[in-house]
Protein backbone atom coordinates (compact mmCIF):
# COMPACT_ATOMS: atom_id res chain seq x y z
CA UNK A 1 -14.44 185.10 118.10
CA UNK A 2 -14.03 182.20 120.54
CA UNK A 3 -11.13 180.94 118.40
CA UNK A 4 -9.21 184.20 118.92
CA UNK A 5 -10.27 184.45 122.55
CA UNK A 6 -8.93 180.98 123.36
CA UNK A 7 -5.76 181.73 121.42
CA UNK A 8 -5.22 184.91 123.44
CA UNK A 9 -5.93 183.17 126.77
CA UNK A 10 -3.54 180.34 125.90
CA UNK A 11 -0.73 182.79 125.20
CA UNK A 12 -1.29 185.09 128.19
CA UNK A 13 -2.91 183.16 131.05
CA UNK A 14 -0.95 180.27 132.60
CA UNK A 15 -2.80 177.18 133.78
CA UNK A 16 -5.49 177.27 131.10
CA UNK A 17 -3.84 174.95 128.63
CA UNK A 18 -7.21 173.33 127.90
CA UNK A 19 -7.97 176.34 125.71
CA UNK A 20 -5.54 174.75 123.26
CA UNK A 21 -8.49 172.61 122.15
CA UNK A 22 -9.80 175.57 120.17
CA UNK A 23 -6.76 175.34 117.92
CA UNK A 24 -7.85 171.93 116.64
CA UNK A 25 -10.01 172.03 113.53
CA UNK A 26 -11.67 168.73 114.48
CA UNK A 27 -12.88 170.13 117.81
CA UNK A 28 -14.07 173.39 116.30
CA UNK A 29 -15.90 171.50 113.57
CA UNK A 30 -17.80 169.43 116.12
CA UNK A 31 -18.79 172.38 118.29
CA UNK A 32 -19.70 174.45 115.20
CA UNK A 33 -22.11 171.70 114.12
CA UNK A 34 -23.60 171.49 117.61
CA UNK A 35 -23.88 175.29 117.79
CA UNK A 36 -25.74 175.56 114.47
CA UNK A 37 -28.01 172.64 115.37
CA UNK A 38 -28.80 174.08 118.80
CA UNK A 39 -29.51 177.56 117.47
CA UNK A 40 -32.09 176.29 115.00
CA UNK A 41 -33.81 174.13 117.63
CA UNK A 42 -33.83 177.08 120.02
CA UNK A 43 -35.11 179.68 117.55
CA UNK A 44 -37.03 177.46 115.13
CA UNK A 45 -40.57 177.79 116.46
CA UNK A 46 -40.22 181.52 117.07
CA UNK A 47 -38.77 182.09 113.59
CA UNK A 48 -41.47 180.03 111.88
CA UNK A 49 -44.16 182.01 113.68
CA UNK A 50 -42.53 185.31 112.66
CA UNK A 51 -42.30 184.17 109.03
CA UNK A 52 -45.97 183.24 109.04
CA UNK A 53 -47.09 186.51 110.59
CA UNK A 54 -44.95 188.52 108.17
CA UNK A 55 -46.75 186.92 105.22
CA UNK A 56 -43.85 184.75 104.04
CA UNK A 57 -46.14 181.86 103.15
CA UNK A 58 -45.71 179.46 100.30
CA UNK A 59 -48.05 179.23 97.33
CA UNK A 60 -48.00 175.70 95.93
CA UNK A 61 -48.43 175.12 92.22
CA UNK A 62 -51.03 172.44 91.52
CA UNK A 63 -49.40 169.64 89.49
CA UNK A 64 -52.58 167.63 89.36
CA UNK A 65 -51.35 164.69 91.45
CA UNK A 66 -50.65 166.39 94.79
CA UNK A 67 -52.86 168.06 97.37
CA UNK A 68 -51.76 171.69 97.22
CA UNK A 69 -54.17 172.75 99.93
CA UNK A 70 -52.33 170.67 102.52
CA UNK A 71 -49.16 172.72 101.94
CA UNK A 72 -50.50 176.11 100.92
CA UNK A 73 -49.78 178.75 103.56
CA UNK A 74 -46.78 176.94 105.04
CA UNK A 75 -44.12 179.50 106.04
CA UNK A 76 -41.26 179.77 103.57
CA UNK A 77 -37.92 181.61 103.54
CA UNK A 78 -36.78 179.16 106.22
CA UNK A 79 -33.36 179.41 104.63
CA UNK A 80 -32.77 182.49 106.79
CA UNK A 81 -32.64 180.09 109.75
CA UNK A 82 -29.94 178.02 108.07
CA UNK A 83 -27.93 181.06 106.97
CA UNK A 84 -28.21 182.69 110.39
CA UNK A 85 -27.18 179.56 112.30
CA UNK A 86 -24.23 178.86 110.00
CA UNK A 87 -23.10 182.50 110.14
CA UNK A 88 -23.16 182.56 113.95
CA UNK A 89 -21.25 179.26 114.11
CA UNK A 90 -18.65 180.65 111.69
CA UNK A 91 -18.21 183.85 113.71
CA UNK A 92 -17.82 181.89 116.94
CA UNK A 93 -15.62 178.99 115.88
CA UNK A 94 -13.95 179.78 112.56
CA UNK A 95 -11.08 182.08 111.66
CA UNK A 96 -12.73 185.07 109.93
CA UNK A 97 -9.37 186.14 108.49
CA UNK A 98 -9.09 182.90 106.51
CA UNK A 99 -9.68 183.64 102.78
CA UNK A 100 -11.44 180.31 102.23
CA UNK A 101 -13.93 181.15 104.97
CA UNK A 102 -14.43 184.65 103.61
CA UNK A 103 -15.35 183.44 100.13
CA UNK A 104 -17.78 180.84 101.48
CA UNK A 105 -19.53 183.46 103.61
CA UNK A 106 -19.69 185.78 100.60
CA UNK A 107 -21.20 183.01 98.44
CA UNK A 108 -23.75 182.10 101.12
CA UNK A 109 -24.91 185.70 101.56
CA UNK A 110 -24.96 186.52 97.83
CA UNK A 111 -26.81 183.42 96.65
CA UNK A 112 -29.02 183.48 99.73
CA UNK A 113 -29.84 187.12 98.97
CA UNK A 114 -30.90 186.25 95.42
CA UNK A 115 -33.11 183.47 96.76
CA UNK A 116 -34.54 185.74 99.46
CA UNK A 117 -35.62 188.34 96.90
CA UNK A 118 -37.15 185.61 94.74
CA UNK A 119 -39.10 184.28 97.73
CA UNK A 120 -40.15 187.79 98.68
CA UNK A 121 -41.64 188.44 95.24
CA UNK A 122 -43.53 185.14 95.30
CA UNK A 123 -44.93 185.83 98.76
CA UNK A 124 -45.82 189.42 97.86
CA UNK A 125 -47.79 188.40 94.76
CA UNK A 126 -49.03 185.15 96.35
CA UNK A 127 -48.01 183.31 93.19
CA UNK A 128 -45.10 180.88 92.87
CA UNK A 129 -44.64 181.96 89.24
CA UNK A 130 -44.14 185.65 90.08
CA UNK A 131 -40.59 185.46 91.46
CA UNK A 132 -37.44 186.60 89.71
CA UNK A 133 -37.12 185.52 86.11
CA UNK A 134 -34.75 182.69 85.30
CA UNK A 135 -32.60 185.09 83.32
CA UNK A 136 -32.31 187.56 86.20
CA UNK A 137 -31.30 184.84 88.65
CA UNK A 138 -28.68 183.47 86.26
CA UNK A 139 -27.33 186.98 85.64
CA UNK A 140 -26.76 187.75 89.33
CA UNK A 141 -25.39 184.28 89.99
CA UNK A 142 -23.02 184.67 87.04
CA UNK A 143 -21.80 188.04 88.36
CA UNK A 144 -20.64 186.45 91.59
CA UNK A 145 -19.22 183.39 89.83
CA UNK A 146 -17.21 185.56 87.42
CA UNK A 147 -15.77 187.77 90.19
CA UNK A 148 -14.93 184.74 92.28
CA UNK A 149 -13.19 182.92 89.43
CA UNK A 150 -11.13 185.98 88.47
CA UNK A 151 -9.99 186.42 92.07
CA UNK A 152 -9.45 182.69 92.40
CA UNK A 153 -7.11 182.53 89.41
CA UNK A 154 -5.30 185.81 90.05
CA UNK A 155 -1.71 185.75 91.25
CA UNK A 156 -2.17 188.13 94.16
CA UNK A 157 -5.70 187.72 95.56
CA UNK A 158 -6.33 184.00 95.10
CA UNK A 159 -7.04 181.86 98.19
CA UNK A 160 -5.00 179.25 96.30
CA UNK A 161 -1.83 181.30 96.04
CA UNK A 162 1.32 179.32 95.31
CA UNK A 163 2.57 179.54 98.89
CA UNK A 164 -0.46 177.64 100.15
CA UNK A 165 -0.08 174.70 97.76
CA UNK A 166 2.20 171.80 98.68
CA UNK A 167 2.16 169.57 95.62
CA UNK A 168 2.49 165.82 95.70
CA UNK A 169 5.96 164.63 94.90
CA UNK A 170 6.46 163.52 91.33
CA UNK A 171 3.67 165.39 89.53
CA UNK A 172 5.23 166.09 86.17
CA UNK A 173 4.39 169.31 84.37
CA UNK A 174 2.51 170.84 87.32
CA UNK A 175 3.77 173.67 89.49
CA UNK A 176 2.25 175.19 92.60
CA UNK A 177 1.63 178.43 90.69
CA UNK A 178 -0.55 176.81 88.03
CA UNK A 179 -2.13 174.02 90.09
CA UNK A 180 -5.38 175.93 90.35
CA UNK A 181 -5.81 175.71 86.55
CA UNK A 182 -5.73 171.90 86.59
CA UNK A 183 -8.66 169.51 86.91
CA UNK A 184 -8.76 166.76 89.53
CA UNK A 185 -10.90 163.67 88.99
CA UNK A 186 -12.06 161.18 91.67
CA UNK A 187 -10.18 157.86 91.76
CA UNK A 188 -7.09 159.48 90.16
CA UNK A 189 -4.23 160.80 92.32
CA UNK A 190 -2.74 163.39 89.97
CA UNK A 191 -4.29 166.32 88.08
CA UNK A 192 -5.51 165.24 84.64
CA UNK A 193 -5.87 168.38 82.53
CA UNK A 194 -4.58 171.96 82.46
CA UNK A 195 -7.45 174.22 81.35
CA UNK A 196 -5.54 177.47 81.61
CA UNK A 197 -7.90 180.45 81.58
CA UNK A 198 -10.65 178.21 80.24
CA UNK A 199 -10.99 177.30 83.90
CA UNK A 200 -12.91 180.58 84.33
CA UNK A 201 -15.98 179.52 82.29
CA UNK A 202 -15.65 175.97 83.62
CA UNK A 203 -15.70 177.21 87.22
CA UNK A 204 -18.60 179.56 86.52
CA UNK A 205 -20.58 176.72 84.98
CA UNK A 206 -19.82 174.47 87.97
CA UNK A 207 -20.98 177.07 90.50
CA UNK A 208 -24.17 177.87 88.59
CA UNK A 209 -24.95 174.21 87.92
CA UNK A 210 -24.47 173.18 91.54
CA UNK A 211 -26.45 176.12 92.93
CA UNK A 212 -29.43 175.61 90.63
CA UNK A 213 -29.44 171.81 90.95
CA UNK A 214 -29.87 172.15 94.72
CA UNK A 215 -32.66 174.64 94.04
CA UNK A 216 -34.45 172.17 91.72
CA UNK A 217 -34.33 169.45 94.39
CA UNK A 218 -36.19 171.57 96.93
CA UNK A 219 -39.69 170.42 96.07
CA UNK A 220 -40.80 167.95 98.75
CA UNK A 221 -40.69 167.99 102.54
CA UNK A 222 -37.13 167.17 103.65
CA UNK A 223 -35.97 166.22 100.17
CA UNK A 224 -33.18 168.76 99.64
CA UNK A 225 -31.82 169.31 103.13
CA UNK A 226 -30.63 165.73 103.78
CA UNK A 227 -28.66 165.26 100.53
CA UNK A 228 -27.25 168.78 100.98
CA UNK A 229 -26.11 167.91 104.50
CA UNK A 230 -24.61 164.61 103.30
CA UNK A 231 -22.75 166.37 100.50
CA UNK A 232 -21.50 169.04 102.90
CA UNK A 233 -20.29 166.25 105.20
CA UNK A 234 -18.31 164.67 102.36
CA UNK A 235 -16.65 167.96 101.47
CA UNK A 236 -15.97 168.65 105.15
CA UNK A 237 -14.01 165.38 105.31
CA UNK A 238 -12.07 166.24 102.14
CA UNK A 239 -11.36 169.75 103.45
CA UNK A 240 -10.00 168.31 106.69
CA UNK A 241 -7.71 165.92 104.82
CA UNK A 242 -6.53 168.42 102.20
CA UNK A 243 -5.95 171.07 104.86
CA UNK A 244 -3.88 168.75 107.07
CA UNK A 245 -0.24 168.31 106.07
CA UNK A 246 0.04 164.82 107.58
CA UNK A 247 -3.21 163.32 106.31
CA UNK A 248 -2.86 164.86 102.84
CA UNK A 249 0.66 163.44 102.50
CA UNK A 250 -0.42 160.02 103.77
CA UNK A 251 -3.46 159.83 101.47
CA UNK A 252 -1.62 161.39 98.50
CA UNK A 253 -3.64 164.60 98.25
CA UNK A 254 -2.15 167.95 97.38
CA UNK A 255 -1.96 169.90 100.63
CA UNK A 256 -3.65 173.31 100.50
CA UNK A 257 -2.67 175.34 103.54
CA UNK A 258 -5.68 176.94 105.25
CA UNK A 259 -8.34 174.95 103.43
CA UNK A 260 -9.03 172.92 106.58
CA UNK A 261 -11.01 175.89 107.86
CA UNK A 262 -13.69 174.93 105.32
CA UNK A 263 -14.44 171.79 107.32
CA UNK A 264 -15.65 173.97 110.21
CA UNK A 265 -18.07 175.85 107.97
CA UNK A 266 -19.31 172.68 106.30
CA UNK A 267 -19.73 170.98 109.67
CA UNK A 268 -21.82 173.96 110.76
CA UNK A 269 -23.88 173.48 107.61
CA UNK A 270 -24.44 169.81 108.50
CA UNK A 271 -25.57 170.79 112.00
CA UNK A 272 -27.86 173.49 110.63
CA UNK A 273 -29.26 170.99 108.12
CA UNK A 274 -30.13 168.50 110.84
CA UNK A 275 -31.71 171.26 112.90
CA UNK A 276 -33.75 172.44 109.93
CA UNK A 277 -34.86 168.87 109.20
CA UNK A 278 -36.44 168.86 112.68
CA UNK A 279 -39.01 171.33 111.33
CA UNK A 280 -38.87 170.48 107.61
CA UNK A 281 -39.59 166.73 107.84
CA UNK A 282 -43.02 165.64 106.61
CA UNK A 283 -45.39 167.32 107.27
CA UNK A 284 -43.17 170.38 107.00
CA UNK A 285 -43.67 173.28 109.38
CA UNK A 286 -41.46 175.46 107.20
CA UNK A 287 -39.88 175.41 103.75
CA UNK A 288 -36.34 176.64 103.12
CA UNK A 289 -37.43 178.33 99.89
CA UNK A 290 -34.97 179.64 97.34
CA UNK A 291 -33.34 181.53 100.21
CA UNK A 292 -32.00 178.29 101.61
CA UNK A 293 -31.56 176.17 98.51
CA UNK A 294 -29.57 178.81 96.61
CA UNK A 295 -27.41 179.56 99.66
CA UNK A 296 -26.65 175.86 100.11
CA UNK A 297 -25.86 175.47 96.42
CA UNK A 298 -23.64 178.55 96.42
CA UNK A 299 -21.63 177.23 99.36
CA UNK A 300 -21.17 173.78 97.82
CA UNK A 301 -20.22 175.24 94.43
CA UNK A 302 -17.53 177.54 95.81
CA UNK A 303 -16.16 174.84 98.13
CA UNK A 304 -15.92 172.35 95.25
CA UNK A 305 -13.81 174.83 93.29
CA UNK A 306 -11.51 175.82 96.17
CA UNK A 307 -10.80 172.21 97.13
CA UNK A 308 -10.19 171.24 93.49
CA UNK A 309 -12.90 168.57 93.83
CA UNK A 310 -15.44 169.76 91.26
CA UNK A 311 -16.11 166.31 89.79
CA UNK A 312 -16.60 164.82 93.25
CA UNK A 313 -19.97 166.57 93.25
CA UNK A 314 -21.13 164.24 90.47
CA UNK A 315 -20.92 161.45 93.06
CA UNK A 316 -21.55 163.13 96.42
CA UNK A 317 -24.26 165.38 94.97
CA UNK A 318 -25.64 162.76 92.61
CA UNK A 319 -29.20 163.46 93.79
CA UNK A 320 -28.85 167.08 92.74
CA UNK A 321 -27.20 166.11 89.46
CA UNK A 322 -30.19 163.89 88.63
CA UNK A 323 -32.65 166.64 89.58
CA UNK A 324 -30.88 169.28 87.52
CA UNK A 325 -30.36 166.95 84.56
CA UNK A 326 -34.05 166.01 84.51
CA UNK A 327 -35.05 169.68 84.27
CA UNK A 328 -32.45 170.35 81.56
CA UNK A 329 -33.52 167.32 79.52
CA UNK A 330 -37.21 168.14 79.90
CA UNK A 331 -37.00 171.84 79.03
CA UNK A 332 -34.08 172.16 76.61
CA UNK A 333 -34.16 168.83 74.79
CA UNK A 334 -37.73 167.64 75.18
CA UNK A 335 -39.96 170.71 75.01
CA UNK A 336 -37.76 173.13 73.01
CA UNK A 337 -35.96 170.74 70.65
CA UNK A 338 -38.35 167.80 70.25
CA UNK A 339 -41.58 169.61 71.05
CA UNK A 340 -42.73 167.06 73.61
CA UNK A 341 -42.14 165.96 77.18
CA UNK A 342 -39.53 163.29 77.87
CA UNK A 343 -40.56 162.88 81.52
CA UNK A 344 -44.14 163.12 82.71
CA UNK A 345 -42.96 165.73 85.22
CA UNK A 346 -39.72 167.47 86.09
CA UNK A 347 -37.79 167.74 88.38
CA UNK A 348 -37.59 163.98 88.59
CA UNK A 349 -39.06 163.67 92.10
CA UNK A 350 -42.38 164.85 90.68
CA UNK A 351 -42.08 162.19 87.97
CA UNK A 352 -42.09 159.50 90.66
CA UNK A 353 -45.11 161.13 92.28
CA UNK A 354 -46.84 161.05 88.91
CA UNK A 355 -46.63 157.25 89.00
CA UNK A 356 -48.33 157.13 92.39
CA UNK A 357 -45.43 156.97 94.86
CA UNK A 358 -46.23 158.73 98.13
CA UNK A 359 -44.23 161.85 98.92
CA UNK A 360 -42.62 160.31 101.99
CA UNK A 361 -41.56 157.21 100.06
CA UNK A 362 -39.94 159.32 97.32
CA UNK A 363 -38.09 161.42 99.90
CA UNK A 364 -36.81 158.50 101.98
CA UNK A 365 -35.66 156.63 98.87
CA UNK A 366 -33.77 159.71 97.73
CA UNK A 367 -32.16 159.85 101.20
CA UNK A 368 -31.11 156.22 100.88
CA UNK A 369 -29.53 156.86 97.49
CA UNK A 370 -27.81 159.92 98.96
CA UNK A 371 -26.30 157.82 101.76
CA UNK A 372 -24.99 155.26 99.26
CA UNK A 373 -23.45 158.04 97.16
CA UNK A 374 -21.86 159.47 100.30
CA UNK A 375 -20.19 156.12 101.04
CA UNK A 376 -18.91 155.88 97.46
CA UNK A 377 -17.53 159.43 97.75
CA UNK A 378 -15.66 158.56 100.93
CA UNK A 379 -14.27 155.44 99.24
CA UNK A 380 -12.59 157.64 96.61
CA UNK A 381 -10.23 158.87 99.33
CA UNK A 382 -8.42 155.51 99.30
CA UNK A 383 -9.35 154.13 95.88
CA UNK A 384 -7.05 156.39 93.85
């Protein structure tokens, strides 16, 4: 909205050249982050009170080593705050006609909607085990992932159409038309493998894995929102570089025209994350619930695919990878295959609590690891 307004004023009203600032992605990213942050601070207390009065209160499962009574009744579905703030920032500062932005908004609303219904069922039955079944969630997530991947790889509707892709010089065997089928790996400049249409199940798996790993990490006050914001910050930097013809050429990235708009959305997500942390830090006044964690995971999953940086998530989102892997190992390998637990508790943050670490110490240590992983992710820009 403001993007188009400033563009119109610049073209029609003389003497207001300062409106040119709105054409710079860096400026719009900064103000989008500030906008999302400010909106959550402004509306946070009111929203939390409304959630509480509407009955959207969390029911904590007793693991035997925590004090569930200290958290029971805390408002949940706080993800609506994050989604709302990011959506407003996108409408104000992004280009809504950009296909990259459109798919991210679609992913945020779809995955956030699944999480919202799951939270609603839990609050309605006052039982954290009475939400949507795991199969139902995976089905609806898979529906979006399949549609997205088919559009993504199509010749006519893909945000990565051949005209947008400016390949690095000297990439043998790769054309702009089939670049989207290739895999990129951190620390390596050129694409490493052409998956062809096998990229459809690969992309679906990546989106589902990222979305659910973020969901698994949302178990302690402030635990998920900081790593999610750090990961979004990493992808915002990559989007800015890949979407800029000069920086992408200098740093030997394939330039994808229009992908820079993703940095505005991801910056808004960082700002919203910091604003939400204001209320979600220990002791939490509100939980994001599945509404927030699934929306965050959906955004990160779709962005990773569109930027061709799927494997970067293994580094930048290493906290989520560890959380998701611990659940997979515990349930699929330990309980179902071996008939016993491998970890005392899963996800892995509860395992550390089992050994007596305080909640705040677990959370802060996870933040520290997340910061280190963020620095390593940024280093991959030059170490290639």
